[in-house]
Amino acid sequence: MDASQQPSSQFLTFEESAKVDAALLSSHEKFLTRLTISSLKLLKHIAAENGVNIEDLTPQQVLTWFEKDGKIRREQGIDAAYLKW
């Protein structure tokens, strides 16, 4: 597995999480912020795999990517998939 597939690259780093914790936001807003940052990282990965800019990603490309990653998880196991959950 290369560094771009490490679980830490999918989700917030400790530093990013600490910045969210320090922000003057409600618990709900902090959750949404963490979710949005993690989603941005995943969308960047999907865009790179599709060879497009993130703003050019289509909903169909995102759906197709999730189907592909799910199929890899089912057929080859969780370690072979990009998402580890």
N, C-alpha and C. Protein backbone atom coordinates (compact mmCIF):
# COMPACT_ATOMS: atom_id res chain seq x y z
N MET A 1 0.86 -1.18 0.00
CA MET A 1 0.00 0.00 0.00
C MET A 1 0.90 1.23 0.00
N ASP A 2 0.64 2.17 -0.91
CA ASP A 2 1.48 3.36 -0.94
C ASP A 2 0.95 4.41 0.02
N ALA A 3 1.74 5.47 0.22
CA ALA A 3 1.39 6.48 1.22
C ALA A 3 0.05 7.14 0.93
N SER A 4 -0.34 7.25 -0.35
CA SER A 4 -1.62 7.90 -0.66
C SER A 4 -2.82 7.06 -0.23
N GLN A 5 -2.58 5.78 0.09
CA GLN A 5 -3.67 4.92 0.50
C GLN A 5 -3.70 4.68 2.01
N GLN A 6 -2.78 5.25 2.74
CA GLN A 6 -2.78 5.06 4.18
C GLN A 6 -4.05 5.68 4.77
N PRO A 7 -4.66 5.01 5.75
CA PRO A 7 -5.89 5.54 6.34
C PRO A 7 -5.74 6.98 6.82
N SER A 8 -4.57 7.36 7.30
CA SER A 8 -4.41 8.73 7.79
C SER A 8 -4.56 9.75 6.66
N SER A 9 -4.31 9.33 5.41
CA SER A 9 -4.48 10.26 4.30
C SER A 9 -5.95 10.45 3.93
N GLN A 10 -6.80 9.55 4.40
CA GLN A 10 -8.22 9.63 4.10
C GLN A 10 -8.96 10.54 5.07
N PHE A 11 -8.44 10.61 6.27
CA PHE A 11 -9.15 11.31 7.32
C PHE A 11 -8.28 12.42 7.89
N LEU A 12 -8.75 13.07 8.90
CA LEU A 12 -8.01 14.19 9.46
C LEU A 12 -6.73 13.72 10.16
N THR A 13 -5.71 14.53 10.01
CA THR A 13 -4.49 14.31 10.77
C THR A 13 -4.75 14.79 12.19
N PHE A 14 -3.86 14.46 13.09
CA PHE A 14 -4.01 14.94 14.47
C PHE A 14 -3.98 16.47 14.49
N GLU A 15 -3.12 17.06 13.66
CA GLU A 15 -3.03 18.53 13.61
C GLU A 15 -4.34 19.14 13.12
N GLU A 16 -4.90 18.58 12.06
CA GLU A 16 -6.16 19.09 11.53
C GLU A 16 -7.27 18.94 12.56
N SER A 17 -7.31 17.81 13.23
CA SER A 17 -8.32 17.57 14.25
C SER A 17 -8.19 18.57 15.39
N ALA A 18 -6.96 18.84 15.78
CA ALA A 18 -6.72 19.81 16.86
C ALA A 18 -7.19 21.20 16.45
N LYS A 19 -6.99 21.55 15.20
CA LYS A 19 -7.46 22.87 14.72
C LYS A 19 -8.98 22.95 14.74
N VAL A 20 -9.63 21.86 14.36
CA VAL A 20 -11.09 21.83 14.42
C VAL A 20 -11.54 21.95 15.87
N ASP A 21 -10.89 21.20 16.76
CA ASP A 21 -11.24 21.25 18.19
C ASP A 21 -11.09 22.66 18.75
N ALA A 22 -10.09 23.39 18.27
CA ALA A 22 -9.82 24.72 18.79
C ALA A 22 -10.75 25.79 18.21
N ALA A 23 -11.42 25.46 17.13
CA ALA A 23 -12.31 26.42 16.48
C ALA A 23 -13.50 26.73 17.38
N LEU A 24 -14.01 27.93 17.23
CA LEU A 24 -15.17 28.36 18.02
C LEU A 24 -16.45 27.88 17.32
N LEU A 25 -16.65 26.56 17.39
CA LEU A 25 -17.80 25.93 16.75
C LEU A 25 -18.52 25.04 17.75
N SER A 26 -19.79 24.82 17.49
CA SER A 26 -20.55 23.87 18.31
C SER A 26 -20.07 22.45 17.98
N SER A 27 -20.43 21.49 18.80
CA SER A 27 -20.06 20.09 18.54
C SER A 27 -20.57 19.63 17.19
N HIS A 28 -21.79 19.99 16.87
CA HIS A 28 -22.38 19.63 15.57
C HIS A 28 -21.58 20.23 14.42
N GLU A 29 -21.21 21.49 14.56
CA GLU A 29 -20.44 22.16 13.51
C GLU A 29 -19.04 21.54 13.38
N LYS A 30 -18.45 21.13 14.49
CA LYS A 30 -17.14 20.48 14.43
C LYS A 30 -17.24 19.14 13.71
N PHE A 31 -18.30 18.39 13.99
CA PHE A 31 -18.52 17.12 13.29
C PHE A 31 -18.64 17.36 11.79
N LEU A 32 -19.45 18.32 11.40
CA LEU A 32 -19.65 18.61 9.97
C LEU A 32 -18.35 19.09 9.33
N THR A 33 -17.56 19.84 10.06
CA THR A 33 -16.27 20.32 9.55
C THR A 33 -15.34 19.14 9.30
N ARG A 34 -15.25 18.22 10.26
CA ARG A 34 -14.41 17.03 10.08
C ARG A 34 -14.88 16.20 8.88
N LEU A 35 -16.18 16.02 8.77
CA LEU A 35 -16.75 15.26 7.66
C LEU A 35 -16.42 15.93 6.33
N THR A 36 -16.52 17.23 6.28
CA THR A 36 -16.26 17.97 5.04
C THR A 36 -14.80 17.89 4.64
N ILE A 37 -13.89 18.04 5.60
CA ILE A 37 -12.47 17.94 5.29
C ILE A 37 -12.12 16.53 4.80
N SER A 38 -12.65 15.52 5.46
CA SER A 38 -12.40 14.14 5.04
C SER A 38 -12.97 13.89 3.64
N SER A 39 -14.15 14.43 3.38
CA SER A 39 -14.77 14.28 2.06
C SER A 39 -13.94 14.95 0.98
N LEU A 40 -13.41 16.12 1.29
CA LEU A 40 -12.56 16.83 0.34
C LEU A 40 -11.35 15.97 -0.03
N LYS A 41 -10.71 15.37 0.98
CA LYS A 41 -9.55 14.51 0.71
C LYS A 41 -9.94 13.33 -0.19
N LEU A 42 -11.07 12.72 0.09
CA LEU A 42 -11.52 11.59 -0.72
C LEU A 42 -11.85 12.03 -2.14
N LEU A 43 -12.50 13.17 -2.30
CA LEU A 43 -12.83 13.67 -3.64
C LEU A 43 -11.56 13.98 -4.42
N LYS A 44 -10.53 14.50 -3.76
CA LYS A 44 -9.25 14.75 -4.43
C LYS A 44 -8.66 13.44 -4.94
N HIS A 45 -8.74 12.40 -4.12
CA HIS A 45 -8.23 11.08 -4.52
C HIS A 45 -9.02 10.54 -5.72
N ILE A 46 -10.33 10.63 -5.66
CA ILE A 46 -11.17 10.14 -6.75
C ILE A 46 -10.88 10.92 -8.04
N ALA A 47 -10.73 12.22 -7.93
CA ALA A 47 -10.41 13.04 -9.10
C ALA A 47 -9.08 12.61 -9.70
N ALA A 48 -8.08 12.40 -8.85
CA ALA A 48 -6.76 11.98 -9.35
C ALA A 48 -6.85 10.64 -10.06
N GLU A 49 -7.60 9.70 -9.49
CA GLU A 49 -7.76 8.39 -10.14
C GLU A 49 -8.45 8.50 -11.49
N ASN A 50 -9.34 9.49 -11.62
CA ASN A 50 -10.07 9.69 -12.88
C ASN A 50 -9.34 10.62 -13.84
N GLY A 51 -8.23 11.19 -13.37
CA GLY A 51 -7.45 12.08 -14.22
C GLY A 51 -8.17 13.38 -14.56
N VAL A 52 -8.97 13.87 -13.60
CA VAL A 52 -9.71 15.11 -13.83
C VAL A 52 -9.48 16.05 -12.65
N ASN A 53 -9.77 17.31 -12.86
CA ASN A 53 -9.75 18.26 -11.75
C ASN A 53 -10.95 17.98 -10.86
N ILE A 54 -10.79 18.25 -9.59
CA ILE A 54 -11.87 17.95 -8.64
C ILE A 54 -13.17 18.65 -9.04
N GLU A 55 -13.08 19.85 -9.57
CA GLU A 55 -14.31 20.57 -9.94
C GLU A 55 -14.99 19.96 -11.16
N ASP A 56 -14.29 19.08 -11.88
CA ASP A 56 -14.87 18.43 -13.04
C ASP A 56 -15.43 17.05 -12.73
N LEU A 57 -15.29 16.59 -11.49
CA LEU A 57 -15.86 15.30 -11.10
C LEU A 57 -17.37 15.33 -11.26
N THR A 58 -17.92 14.25 -11.72
CA THR A 58 -19.37 14.15 -11.83
C THR A 58 -19.89 13.22 -10.74
N PRO A 59 -21.16 13.36 -10.38
CA PRO A 59 -21.73 12.41 -9.42
C PRO A 59 -21.57 10.96 -9.88
N GLN A 60 -21.68 10.71 -11.18
CA GLN A 60 -21.54 9.35 -11.70
C GLN A 60 -20.12 8.82 -11.47
N GLN A 61 -19.11 9.66 -11.63
CA GLN A 61 -17.73 9.22 -11.39
C GLN A 61 -17.53 8.85 -9.91
N VAL A 62 -18.14 9.63 -9.02
CA VAL A 62 -18.02 9.34 -7.59
C VAL A 62 -18.74 8.03 -7.28
N LEU A 63 -19.94 7.85 -7.80
CA LEU A 63 -20.69 6.61 -7.60
C LEU A 63 -19.92 5.41 -8.14
N THR A 64 -19.39 5.53 -9.34
CA THR A 64 -18.62 4.45 -9.95
C THR A 64 -17.40 4.11 -9.11
N TRP A 65 -16.74 5.12 -8.57
CA TRP A 65 -15.56 4.89 -7.73
C TRP A 65 -15.96 4.09 -6.47
N PHE A 66 -17.06 4.48 -5.82
CA PHE A 66 -17.49 3.77 -4.62
C PHE A 66 -17.88 2.33 -4.95
N GLU A 67 -18.52 2.12 -6.10
CA GLU A 67 -18.85 0.75 -6.51
C GLU A 67 -17.58 -0.08 -6.70
N LYS A 68 -16.60 0.51 -7.36
CA LYS A 68 -15.33 -0.18 -7.61
C LYS A 68 -14.62 -0.50 -6.30
N ASP A 69 -14.54 0.47 -5.40
CA ASP A 69 -13.85 0.25 -4.12
C ASP A 69 -14.58 -0.80 -3.29
N GLY A 70 -15.92 -0.77 -3.31
CA GLY A 70 -16.70 -1.77 -2.60
C GLY A 70 -16.48 -3.17 -3.17
N LYS A 71 -16.38 -3.27 -4.48
CA LYS A 71 -16.15 -4.56 -5.12
C LYS A 71 -14.76 -5.09 -4.73
N ILE A 72 -13.79 -4.23 -4.72
CA ILE A 72 -12.44 -4.64 -4.29
C ILE A 72 -12.48 -5.15 -2.85
N ARG A 73 -13.18 -4.43 -1.98
CA ARG A 73 -13.29 -4.83 -0.57
C ARG A 73 -13.94 -6.21 -0.43
N ARG A 74 -15.02 -6.43 -1.19
CA ARG A 74 -15.73 -7.70 -1.12
C ARG A 74 -14.90 -8.86 -1.68
N GLU A 75 -14.22 -8.62 -2.79
CA GLU A 75 -13.52 -9.69 -3.49
C GLU A 75 -12.10 -9.93 -2.99
N GLN A 76 -11.42 -8.85 -2.55
CA GLN A 76 -10.00 -8.98 -2.19
C GLN A 76 -9.73 -8.71 -0.71
N GLY A 77 -10.74 -8.22 -0.01
CA GLY A 77 -10.57 -7.92 1.40
C GLY A 77 -10.35 -6.45 1.66
N ILE A 78 -10.55 -6.07 2.91
CA ILE A 78 -10.52 -4.65 3.28
C ILE A 78 -9.14 -4.02 3.05
N ASP A 79 -8.08 -4.80 3.20
CA ASP A 79 -6.74 -4.23 3.00
C ASP A 79 -6.48 -3.83 1.56
N ALA A 80 -7.17 -4.42 0.61
CA ALA A 80 -6.98 -4.10 -0.80
C ALA A 80 -7.77 -2.87 -1.22
N ALA A 81 -8.81 -2.53 -0.47
CA ALA A 81 -9.66 -1.38 -0.80
C ALA A 81 -9.01 -0.09 -0.32
N TYR A 82 -9.41 1.02 -0.92
CA TYR A 82 -8.90 2.32 -0.49
C TYR A 82 -9.50 2.71 0.86
N LEU A 83 -10.83 2.63 0.95
CA LEU A 83 -11.50 2.97 2.20
C LEU A 83 -11.41 1.78 3.13
N LYS A 84 -11.06 2.04 4.37
CA LYS A 84 -10.84 0.96 5.34
C LYS A 84 -11.99 0.81 6.33
N TRP A 85 -13.17 1.28 5.98
CA TRP A 85 -14.32 1.13 6.88
C TRP A 85 -15.46 0.49 6.14
